[in-house]
Amino acid sequence: EEVVTRRTKYDLNKAEERAHILEGLLIALDNIDEV
């Protein structure tokens, strides 16, 4: 339980970081001329 919990927290943190960057890229692509 401890191993899977720590692994899941790590994976969640990495996924949220990547999703945050992708949200920025999608905003940029929606406003590409202004960017």
PDB file of all heavy atoms in Angstrom:
ATOM      1  N   GLU A   1       0.837  -1.209   0.000  1.00  0.00           N
ATOM      2  CA  GLU A   1       0.000   0.000   0.000  1.00  0.00           C
ATOM      3  C   GLU A   1       0.870   1.256   0.000  1.00  0.00           C
ATOM      4  O   GLU A   1       0.601   2.208  -0.727  1.00  0.00           O
ATOM      5  CB  GLU A   1      -0.910   0.002   1.240  1.00  0.00           C
ATOM      6  CG  GLU A   1      -2.074  -0.991   1.153  1.00  0.00           C
ATOM      7  CD  GLU A   1      -2.976  -0.888   2.375  1.00  0.00           C
ATOM      8  OE1 GLU A   1      -3.482   0.218   2.655  1.00  0.00           O
ATOM      9  OE2 GLU A   1      -3.179  -1.906   3.047  1.00  0.00           O
ATOM     10  N   GLU A   2       1.917   1.238   0.813  1.00  0.00           N
ATOM     11  CA  GLU A   2       2.813   2.401   0.889  1.00  0.00           C
ATOM     12  C   GLU A   2       3.535   2.620  -0.438  1.00  0.00           C
ATOM     13  O   GLU A   2       3.632   3.748  -0.928  1.00  0.00           O
ATOM     14  CB  GLU A   2       3.829   2.184   2.020  1.00  0.00           C
ATOM     15  CG  GLU A   2       4.723   3.395   2.249  1.00  0.00           C
ATOM     16  CD  GLU A   2       5.760   3.154   3.330  1.00  0.00           C
ATOM     17  OE1 GLU A   2       5.627   2.179   4.092  1.00  0.00           O
ATOM     18  OE2 GLU A   2       6.706   3.955   3.407  1.00  0.00           O
ATOM     19  N   VAL A   3       4.025   1.529  -1.034  1.00  0.00           N
ATOM     20  CA  VAL A   3       4.744   1.627  -2.307  1.00  0.00           C
ATOM     21  C   VAL A   3       3.843   2.182  -3.412  1.00  0.00           C
ATOM     22  O   VAL A   3       4.208   3.110  -4.131  1.00  0.00           O
ATOM     23  CB  VAL A   3       5.303   0.240  -2.718  1.00  0.00           C
ATOM     24  CG1 VAL A   3       5.798   0.258  -4.160  1.00  0.00           C
ATOM     25  CG2 VAL A   3       6.423  -0.181  -1.788  1.00  0.00           C
ATOM     26  N   VAL A   4       2.639   1.601  -3.527  1.00  0.00           N
ATOM     27  CA  VAL A   4       1.721   2.027  -4.597  1.00  0.00           C
ATOM     28  C   VAL A   4       1.236   3.452  -4.349  1.00  0.00           C
ATOM     29  O   VAL A   4       1.094   4.237  -5.298  1.00  0.00           O
ATOM     30  CB  VAL A   4       0.530   1.044  -4.712  1.00  0.00           C
ATOM     31  CG1 VAL A   4      -0.489   1.543  -5.725  1.00  0.00           C
ATOM     32  CG2 VAL A   4       1.029  -0.343  -5.118  1.00  0.00           C
ATOM     33  N   THR A   5       1.015   3.831  -3.084  1.00  0.00           N
ATOM     34  CA  THR A   5       0.589   5.204  -2.767  1.00  0.00           C
ATOM     35  C   THR A   5       1.663   6.207  -3.172  1.00  0.00           C
ATOM     36  O   THR A   5       1.375   7.215  -3.833  1.00  0.00           O
ATOM     37  CB  THR A   5       0.287   5.342  -1.256  1.00  0.00           C
ATOM     38  OG1 THR A   5      -0.781   4.450  -0.930  1.00  0.00           O
ATOM     39  CG2 THR A   5      -0.133   6.764  -0.912  1.00  0.00           C
ATOM     40  N   ARG A   6       2.917   5.936  -2.793  1.00  0.00           N
ATOM     41  CA  ARG A   6       4.010   6.856  -3.128  1.00  0.00           C
ATOM     42  C   ARG A   6       4.227   6.935  -4.640  1.00  0.00           C
ATOM     43  O   ARG A   6       4.458   8.009  -5.187  1.00  0.00           O
ATOM     44  CB  ARG A   6       5.292   6.408  -2.424  1.00  0.00           C
ATOM     45  CG  ARG A   6       5.239   6.625  -0.912  1.00  0.00           C
ATOM     46  CD  ARG A   6       6.383   5.973  -0.183  1.00  0.00           C
ATOM     47  NE  ARG A   6       7.663   6.549  -0.550  1.00  0.00           N
ATOM     48  CZ  ARG A   6       8.834   6.159  -0.033  1.00  0.00           C
ATOM     49  NH1 ARG A   6       8.847   5.186   0.863  1.00  0.00           N
ATOM     50  NH2 ARG A   6       9.958   6.714  -0.404  1.00  0.00           N
ATOM     51  N   ARG A   7       4.128   5.778  -5.287  1.00  0.00           N
ATOM     52  CA  ARG A   7       4.281   5.775  -6.749  1.00  0.00           C
ATOM     53  C   ARG A   7       3.169   6.564  -7.426  1.00  0.00           C
ATOM     54  O   ARG A   7       3.411   7.323  -8.371  1.00  0.00           O
ATOM     55  CB  ARG A   7       4.265   4.312  -7.241  1.00  0.00           C
ATOM     56  CG  ARG A   7       4.534   4.170  -8.735  1.00  0.00           C
ATOM     57  CD  ARG A   7       4.274   2.766  -9.180  1.00  0.00           C
ATOM     58  NE  ARG A   7       2.846   2.458  -9.173  1.00  0.00           N
ATOM     59  CZ  ARG A   7       2.358   1.230  -9.147  1.00  0.00           C
ATOM     60  NH1 ARG A   7       3.168   0.188  -9.087  1.00  0.00           N
ATOM     61  NH2 ARG A   7       1.054   1.030  -9.171  1.00  0.00           N
ATOM     62  N   THR A   8       1.941   6.373  -6.925  1.00  0.00           N
ATOM     63  CA  THR A   8       0.790   7.073  -7.517  1.00  0.00           C
ATOM     64  C   THR A   8       0.907   8.584  -7.310  1.00  0.00           C
ATOM     65  O   THR A   8       0.595   9.362  -8.213  1.00  0.00           O
ATOM     66  CB  THR A   8      -0.526   6.545  -6.917  1.00  0.00           C
ATOM     67  OG1 THR A   8      -0.571   5.116  -7.064  1.00  0.00           O
ATOM     68  CG2 THR A   8      -1.728   7.154  -7.600  1.00  0.00           C
ATOM     69  N   LYS A   9       1.363   8.992  -6.116  1.00  0.00           N
ATOM     70  CA  LYS A   9       1.558  10.429  -5.865  1.00  0.00           C
ATOM     71  C   LYS A   9       2.598  11.009  -6.815  1.00  0.00           C
ATOM     72  O   LYS A   9       2.424  12.116  -7.338  1.00  0.00           O
ATOM     73  CB  LYS A   9       2.000  10.646  -4.411  1.00  0.00           C
ATOM     74  CG  LYS A   9       0.877  10.525  -3.396  1.00  0.00           C
ATOM     75  CD  LYS A   9       1.393  10.752  -1.976  1.00  0.00           C
ATOM     76  CE  LYS A   9       0.257  10.660  -0.959  1.00  0.00           C
ATOM     77  NZ  LYS A   9       0.751  10.789   0.429  1.00  0.00           N
ATOM     78  N   TYR A  10       3.676  10.270  -7.039  1.00  0.00           N
ATOM     79  CA  TYR A  10       4.729  10.719  -7.953  1.00  0.00           C
ATOM     80  C   TYR A  10       4.180  10.838  -9.377  1.00  0.00           C
ATOM     81  O   TYR A  10       4.382  11.848 -10.059  1.00  0.00           O
ATOM     82  CB  TYR A  10       5.897   9.739  -7.910  1.00  0.00           C
ATOM     83  CG  TYR A  10       7.004  10.057  -8.892  1.00  0.00           C
ATOM     84  CD1 TYR A  10       7.982  11.003  -8.584  1.00  0.00           C
ATOM     85  CD2 TYR A  10       7.070   9.411 -10.128  1.00  0.00           C
ATOM     86  CE1 TYR A  10       8.994  11.294  -9.483  1.00  0.00           C
ATOM     87  CE2 TYR A  10       8.072   9.703 -11.032  1.00  0.00           C
ATOM     88  CZ  TYR A  10       9.037  10.646 -10.704  1.00  0.00           C
ATOM     89  OH  TYR A  10      10.029  10.958 -11.610  1.00  0.00           O
ATOM     90  N   ASP A  11       3.458   9.780  -9.817  1.00  0.00           N
ATOM     91  CA  ASP A  11       2.889   9.793 -11.175  1.00  0.00           C
ATOM     92  C   ASP A  11       1.868  10.924 -11.328  1.00  0.00           C
ATOM     93  O   ASP A  11       1.817  11.575 -12.383  1.00  0.00           O
ATOM     94  CB  ASP A  11       2.214   8.450 -11.477  1.00  0.00           C
ATOM     95  CG  ASP A  11       3.223   7.316 -11.636  1.00  0.00           C
ATOM     96  OD1 ASP A  11       4.408   7.618 -11.849  1.00  0.00           O
ATOM     97  OD2 ASP A  11       2.822   6.133 -11.538  1.00  0.00           O
ATOM     98  N   LEU A  12       1.061  11.152 -10.290  1.00  0.00           N
ATOM     99  CA  LEU A  12       0.069  12.229 -10.337  1.00  0.00           C
ATOM    100  C   LEU A  12       0.755  13.586 -10.461  1.00  0.00           C
ATOM    101  O   LEU A  12       0.329  14.439 -11.258  1.00  0.00           O
ATOM    102  CB  LEU A  12      -0.801  12.186  -9.069  1.00  0.00           C
ATOM    103  CG  LEU A  12      -1.827  13.311  -8.904  1.00  0.00           C
ATOM    104  CD1 LEU A  12      -2.842  13.300 -10.044  1.00  0.00           C
ATOM    105  CD2 LEU A  12      -2.544  13.209  -7.560  1.00  0.00           C
ATOM    106  N   ASN A  13       1.813  13.788  -9.683  1.00  0.00           N
ATOM    107  CA  ASN A  13       2.544  15.052  -9.727  1.00  0.00           C
ATOM    108  C   ASN A  13       3.132  15.294 -11.108  1.00  0.00           C
ATOM    109  O   ASN A  13       3.027  16.401 -11.662  1.00  0.00           O
ATOM    110  CB  ASN A  13       3.657  15.012  -8.667  1.00  0.00           C
ATOM    111  CG  ASN A  13       4.353  16.350  -8.523  1.00  0.00           C
ATOM    112  OD1 ASN A  13       3.710  17.398  -8.495  1.00  0.00           O
ATOM    113  ND2 ASN A  13       5.667  16.324  -8.426  1.00  0.00           N
ATOM    114  N   LYS A  14       3.745  14.252 -11.696  1.00  0.00           N
ATOM    115  CA  LYS A  14       4.323  14.389 -13.038  1.00  0.00           C
ATOM    116  C   LYS A  14       3.243  14.645 -14.081  1.00  0.00           C
ATOM    117  O   LYS A  14       3.414  15.461 -14.996  1.00  0.00           O
ATOM    118  CB  LYS A  14       5.094  13.103 -13.399  1.00  0.00           C
ATOM    119  CG  LYS A  14       6.405  12.946 -12.676  1.00  0.00           C
ATOM    120  CD  LYS A  14       7.397  13.991 -13.154  1.00  0.00           C
ATOM    121  CE  LYS A  14       8.732  13.871 -12.416  1.00  0.00           C
ATOM    122  NZ  LYS A  14       9.637  14.974 -12.785  1.00  0.00           N
ATOM    123  N   ALA A  15       2.113  13.943 -13.960  1.00  0.00           N
ATOM    124  CA  ALA A  15       1.019  14.112 -14.929  1.00  0.00           C
ATOM    125  C   ALA A  15       0.431  15.511 -14.839  1.00  0.00           C
ATOM    126  O   ALA A  15       0.135  16.140 -15.869  1.00  0.00           O
ATOM    127  CB  ALA A  15      -0.065  13.060 -14.670  1.00  0.00           C
ATOM    128  N   GLU A  16       0.272  16.035 -13.614  1.00  0.00           N
ATOM    129  CA  GLU A  16      -0.279  17.389 -13.439  1.00  0.00           C
ATOM    130  C   GLU A  16       0.678  18.443 -13.990  1.00  0.00           C
ATOM    131  O   GLU A  16       0.250  19.431 -14.592  1.00  0.00           O
ATOM    132  CB  GLU A  16      -0.567  17.640 -11.956  1.00  0.00           C
ATOM    133  CG  GLU A  16      -1.797  16.899 -11.461  1.00  0.00           C
ATOM    134  CD  GLU A  16      -2.068  17.100  -9.978  1.00  0.00           C
ATOM    135  OE1 GLU A  16      -1.119  17.442  -9.241  1.00  0.00           O
ATOM    136  OE2 GLU A  16      -3.234  16.901  -9.557  1.00  0.00           O
ATOM    137  N   GLU A  17       1.982  18.229 -13.787  1.00  0.00           N
ATOM    138  CA  GLU A  17       2.976  19.162 -14.338  1.00  0.00           C
ATOM    139  C   GLU A  17       2.908  19.188 -15.863  1.00  0.00           C
ATOM    140  O   GLU A  17       2.924  20.257 -16.476  1.00  0.00           O
ATOM    141  CB  GLU A  17       4.384  18.758 -13.888  1.00  0.00           C
ATOM    142  CG  GLU A  17       4.686  19.069 -12.427  1.00  0.00           C
ATOM    143  CD  GLU A  17       6.065  18.580 -12.019  1.00  0.00           C
ATOM    144  OE1 GLU A  17       6.802  18.065 -12.894  1.00  0.00           O
ATOM    145  OE2 GLU A  17       6.409  18.718 -10.828  1.00  0.00           O
ATOM    146  N   ARG A  18       2.838  18.004 -16.472  1.00  0.00           N
ATOM    147  CA  ARG A  18       2.778  17.938 -17.941  1.00  0.00           C
ATOM    148  C   ARG A  18       1.460  18.514 -18.460  1.00  0.00           C
ATOM    149  O   ARG A  18       1.443  19.237 -19.463  1.00  0.00           O
ATOM    150  CB  ARG A  18       2.925  16.474 -18.381  1.00  0.00           C
ATOM    151  CG  ARG A  18       2.872  16.251 -19.881  1.00  0.00           C
ATOM    152  CD  ARG A  18       3.969  16.978 -20.604  1.00  0.00           C
ATOM    153  NE  ARG A  18       3.890  16.781 -22.056  1.00  0.00           N
ATOM    154  CZ  ARG A  18       4.493  17.556 -22.946  1.00  0.00           C
ATOM    155  NH1 ARG A  18       5.220  18.599 -22.553  1.00  0.00           N
ATOM    156  NH2 ARG A  18       4.378  17.319 -24.230  1.00  0.00           N
ATOM    157  N   ALA A  19       0.342  18.207 -17.775  1.00  0.00           N
ATOM    158  CA  ALA A  19      -0.969  18.733 -18.189  1.00  0.00           C
ATOM    159  C   ALA A  19      -0.975  20.262 -18.113  1.00  0.00           C
ATOM    160  O   ALA A  19      -1.559  20.939 -18.963  1.00  0.00           O
ATOM    161  CB  ALA A  19      -2.068  18.150 -17.302  1.00  0.00           C
ATOM    162  N   HIS A  20      -0.313  20.809 -17.102  1.00  0.00           N
ATOM    163  CA  HIS A  20      -0.225  22.266 -16.933  1.00  0.00           C
ATOM    164  C   HIS A  20       0.491  22.902 -18.132  1.00  0.00           C
ATOM    165  O   HIS A  20       0.044  23.930 -18.669  1.00  0.00           O
ATOM    166  CB  HIS A  20       0.525  22.566 -15.632  1.00  0.00           C
ATOM    167  CG  HIS A  20       0.644  24.024 -15.328  1.00  0.00           C
ATOM    168  ND1 HIS A  20      -0.439  24.827 -15.052  1.00  0.00           N
ATOM    169  CD2 HIS A  20       1.745  24.835 -15.269  1.00  0.00           C
ATOM    170  CE1 HIS A  20      -0.033  26.060 -14.829  1.00  0.00           C
ATOM    171  NE2 HIS A  20       1.293  26.089 -14.958  1.00  0.00           N
ATOM    172  N   ILE A  21       1.581  22.280 -18.561  1.00  0.00           N
ATOM    173  CA  ILE A  21       2.319  22.784 -19.740  1.00  0.00           C
ATOM    174  C   ILE A  21       1.469  22.684 -20.998  1.00  0.00           C
ATOM    175  O   ILE A  21       1.408  23.618 -21.819  1.00  0.00           O
ATOM    176  CB  ILE A  21       3.650  22.002 -19.900  1.00  0.00           C
ATOM    177  CG1 ILE A  21       4.615  22.374 -18.766  1.00  0.00           C
ATOM    178  CG2 ILE A  21       4.282  22.269 -21.261  1.00  0.00           C
ATOM    179  CD1 ILE A  21       5.849  21.511 -18.686  1.00  0.00           C
ATOM    180  N   LEU A  22       0.778  21.536 -21.157  1.00  0.00           N
ATOM    181  CA  LEU A  22      -0.057  21.348 -22.352  1.00  0.00           C
ATOM    182  C   LEU A  22      -1.202  22.357 -22.389  1.00  0.00           C
ATOM    183  O   LEU A  22      -1.584  22.825 -23.476  1.00  0.00           O
ATOM    184  CB  LEU A  22      -0.617  19.924 -22.392  1.00  0.00           C
ATOM    185  CG  LEU A  22       0.406  18.793 -22.623  1.00  0.00           C
ATOM    186  CD1 LEU A  22      -0.273  17.431 -22.576  1.00  0.00           C
ATOM    187  CD2 LEU A  22       1.123  18.969 -23.970  1.00  0.00           C
ATOM    188  N   GLU A  23      -1.746  22.712 -21.224  1.00  0.00           N
ATOM    189  CA  GLU A  23      -2.795  23.749 -21.186  1.00  0.00           C
ATOM    190  C   GLU A  23      -2.263  25.068 -21.732  1.00  0.00           C
ATOM    191  O   GLU A  23      -2.959  25.772 -22.475  1.00  0.00           O
ATOM    192  CB  GLU A  23      -3.291  23.924 -19.734  1.00  0.00           C
ATOM    193  CG  GLU A  23      -4.205  22.798 -19.265  1.00  0.00           C
ATOM    194  CD  GLU A  23      -4.465  22.855 -17.768  1.00  0.00           C
ATOM    195  OE1 GLU A  23      -3.914  23.771 -17.101  1.00  0.00           O
ATOM    196  OE2 GLU A  23      -5.204  21.997 -17.253  1.00  0.00           O
ATOM    197  N   GLY A  24      -1.030  25.401 -21.364  1.00  0.00           N
ATOM    198  CA  GLY A  24      -0.388  26.620 -21.877  1.00  0.00           C
ATOM    199  C   GLY A  24      -0.190  26.563 -23.377  1.00  0.00           C
ATOM    200  O   GLY A  24      -0.447  27.543 -24.090  1.00  0.00           O
ATOM    201  N   LEU A  25       0.247  25.403 -23.880  1.00  0.00           N
ATOM    202  CA  LEU A  25       0.469  25.245 -25.332  1.00  0.00           C
ATOM    203  C   LEU A  25      -0.844  25.359 -26.104  1.00  0.00           C
ATOM    204  O   LEU A  25      -0.897  25.946 -27.188  1.00  0.00           O
ATOM    205  CB  LEU A  25       1.139  23.897 -25.623  1.00  0.00           C
ATOM    206  CG  LEU A  25       2.578  23.710 -25.110  1.00  0.00           C
ATOM    207  CD1 LEU A  25       3.084  22.318 -25.463  1.00  0.00           C
ATOM    208  CD2 LEU A  25       3.514  24.766 -25.704  1.00  0.00           C
ATOM    209  N   LEU A  26      -1.906  24.793 -25.538  1.00  0.00           N
ATOM    210  CA  LEU A  26      -3.215  24.873 -26.208  1.00  0.00           C
ATOM    211  C   LEU A  26      -3.717  26.320 -26.242  1.00  0.00           C
ATOM    212  O   LEU A  26      -4.320  26.752 -27.238  1.00  0.00           O
ATOM    213  CB  LEU A  26      -4.225  23.970 -25.497  1.00  0.00           C
ATOM    214  CG  LEU A  26      -4.001  22.452 -25.687  1.00  0.00           C
ATOM    215  CD1 LEU A  26      -4.904  21.648 -24.770  1.00  0.00           C
ATOM    216  CD2 LEU A  26      -4.243  22.053 -27.143  1.00  0.00           C
ATOM    217  N   ILE A  27      -3.473  27.073 -25.160  1.00  0.00           N
ATOM    218  CA  ILE A  27      -3.834  28.502 -25.159  1.00  0.00           C
ATOM    219  C   ILE A  27      -3.056  29.232 -26.242  1.00  0.00           C
ATOM    220  O   ILE A  27      -3.606  30.064 -26.985  1.00  0.00           O
ATOM    221  CB  ILE A  27      -3.547  29.125 -23.771  1.00  0.00           C
ATOM    222  CG1 ILE A  27      -4.546  28.589 -22.740  1.00  0.00           C
ATOM    223  CG2 ILE A  27      -3.618  30.654 -23.824  1.00  0.00           C
ATOM    224  CD1 ILE A  27      -4.217  28.954 -21.303  1.00  0.00           C
ATOM    225  N   ALA A  28      -1.763  28.883 -26.358  1.00  0.00           N
ATOM    226  CA  ALA A  28      -0.922  29.533 -27.379  1.00  0.00           C
ATOM    227  C   ALA A  28      -1.407  29.204 -28.783  1.00  0.00           C
ATOM    228  O   ALA A  28      -1.451  30.076 -29.665  1.00  0.00           O
ATOM    229  CB  ALA A  28       0.520  29.093 -27.203  1.00  0.00           C
ATOM    230  N   LEU A  29      -1.788  27.945 -29.011  1.00  0.00           N
ATOM    231  CA  LEU A  29      -2.247  27.539 -30.344  1.00  0.00           C
ATOM    232  C   LEU A  29      -3.590  28.196 -30.692  1.00  0.00           C
ATOM    233  O   LEU A  29      -3.872  28.475 -31.863  1.00  0.00           O
ATOM    234  CB  LEU A  29      -2.373  26.019 -30.417  1.00  0.00           C
ATOM    235  CG  LEU A  29      -1.030  25.251 -30.414  1.00  0.00           C
ATOM    236  CD1 LEU A  29      -1.274  23.751 -30.300  1.00  0.00           C
ATOM    237  CD2 LEU A  29      -0.226  25.554 -31.669  1.00  0.00           C
ATOM    238  N   ASP A  30      -4.426  28.448 -29.666  1.00  0.00           N
ATOM    239  CA  ASP A  30      -5.702  29.135 -29.907  1.00  0.00           C
ATOM    240  C   ASP A  30      -5.493  30.609 -30.254  1.00  0.00           C
ATOM    241  O   ASP A  30      -6.349  31.234 -30.888  1.00  0.00           O
ATOM    242  CB  ASP A  30      -6.595  29.020 -28.659  1.00  0.00           C
ATOM    243  CG  ASP A  30      -7.128  27.601 -28.478  1.00  0.00           C
ATOM    244  OD1 ASP A  30      -7.146  26.848 -29.471  1.00  0.00           O
ATOM    245  OD2 ASP A  30      -7.513  27.238 -27.339  1.00  0.00           O
ATOM    246  N   ASN A  31      -4.357  31.159 -29.832  1.00  0.00           N
ATOM    247  CA  ASN A  31      -4.056  32.580 -30.082  1.00  0.00           C
ATOM    248  C   ASN A  31      -2.696  32.728 -30.752  1.00  0.00           C
ATOM    249  O   ASN A  31      -1.871  33.574 -30.391  1.00  0.00           O
ATOM    250  CB  ASN A  31      -4.060  33.356 -28.748  1.00  0.00           C
ATOM    251  CG  ASN A  31      -5.364  33.230 -27.993  1.00  0.00           C
ATOM    252  OD1 ASN A  31      -6.315  33.955 -28.243  1.00  0.00           O
ATOM    253  ND2 ASN A  31      -5.417  32.266 -27.067  1.00  0.00           N
ATOM    254  N   ILE A  32      -2.460  31.875 -31.737  1.00  0.00           N
ATOM    255  CA  ILE A  32      -1.122  31.763 -32.298  1.00  0.00           C
ATOM    256  C   ILE A  32      -0.625  33.054 -32.953  1.00  0.00           C
ATOM    257  O   ILE A  32       0.552  33.409 -32.842  1.00  0.00           O
ATOM    258  CB  ILE A  32      -1.060  30.573 -33.298  1.00  0.00           C
ATOM    259  CG1 ILE A  32       0.393  30.251 -33.644  1.00  0.00           C
ATOM    260  CG2 ILE A  32      -1.919  30.839 -34.521  1.00  0.00           C
ATOM    261  CD1 ILE A  32       1.225  29.817 -32.467  1.00  0.00           C
ATOM    262  N   ASP A  33      -1.508  33.785 -33.628  1.00  0.00           N
ATOM    263  CA  ASP A  33      -1.071  35.014 -34.289  1.00  0.00           C
ATOM    264  C   ASP A  33      -0.580  36.040 -33.277  1.00  0.00           C
ATOM    265  O   ASP A  33       0.461  36.690 -33.474  1.00  0.00           O
ATOM    266  CB  ASP A  33      -2.227  35.614 -35.114  1.00  0.00           C
ATOM    267  CG  ASP A  33      -2.602  34.719 -36.294  1.00  0.00           C
ATOM    268  OD1 ASP A  33      -1.714  33.944 -36.738  1.00  0.00           O
ATOM    269  OD2 ASP A  33      -3.762  34.765 -36.744  1.00  0.00           O
ATOM    270  N   GLU A  34      -1.319  36.204 -32.184  1.00  0.00           N
ATOM    271  CA  GLU A  34      -0.944  37.161 -31.140  1.00  0.00           C
ATOM    272  C   GLU A  34       0.355  36.726 -30.463  1.00  0.00           C
ATOM    273  O   GLU A  34       1.217  37.556 -30.163  1.00  0.00           O
ATOM    274  CB  GLU A  34      -2.074  37.263 -30.105  1.00  0.00           C
ATOM    275  CG  GLU A  34      -1.835  38.285 -28.994  1.00  0.00           C
ATOM    276  CD  GLU A  34      -1.806  39.718 -29.518  1.00  0.00           C
ATOM    277  OE1 GLU A  34      -2.236  39.970 -30.669  1.00  0.00           O
ATOM    278  OE2 GLU A  34      -1.346  40.585 -28.767  1.00  0.00           O
ATOM    279  N   VAL A  35       0.522  35.424 -30.252  1.00  0.00           N
ATOM    280  CA  VAL A  35       1.737  34.892 -29.612  1.00  0.00           C
ATOM    281  C   VAL A  35       2.954  35.182 -30.482  1.00  0.00           C
ATOM    282  O   VAL A  35       4.001  35.636 -29.996  1.00  0.00           O
ATOM    283  CB  VAL A  35       1.592  33.376 -29.344  1.00  0.00           C
ATOM    284  CG1 VAL A  35       2.923  32.756 -28.930  1.00  0.00           C
ATOM    285  CG2 VAL A  35       0.547  33.118 -28.267  1.00  0.00           C
TER     286      VAL A  35
END
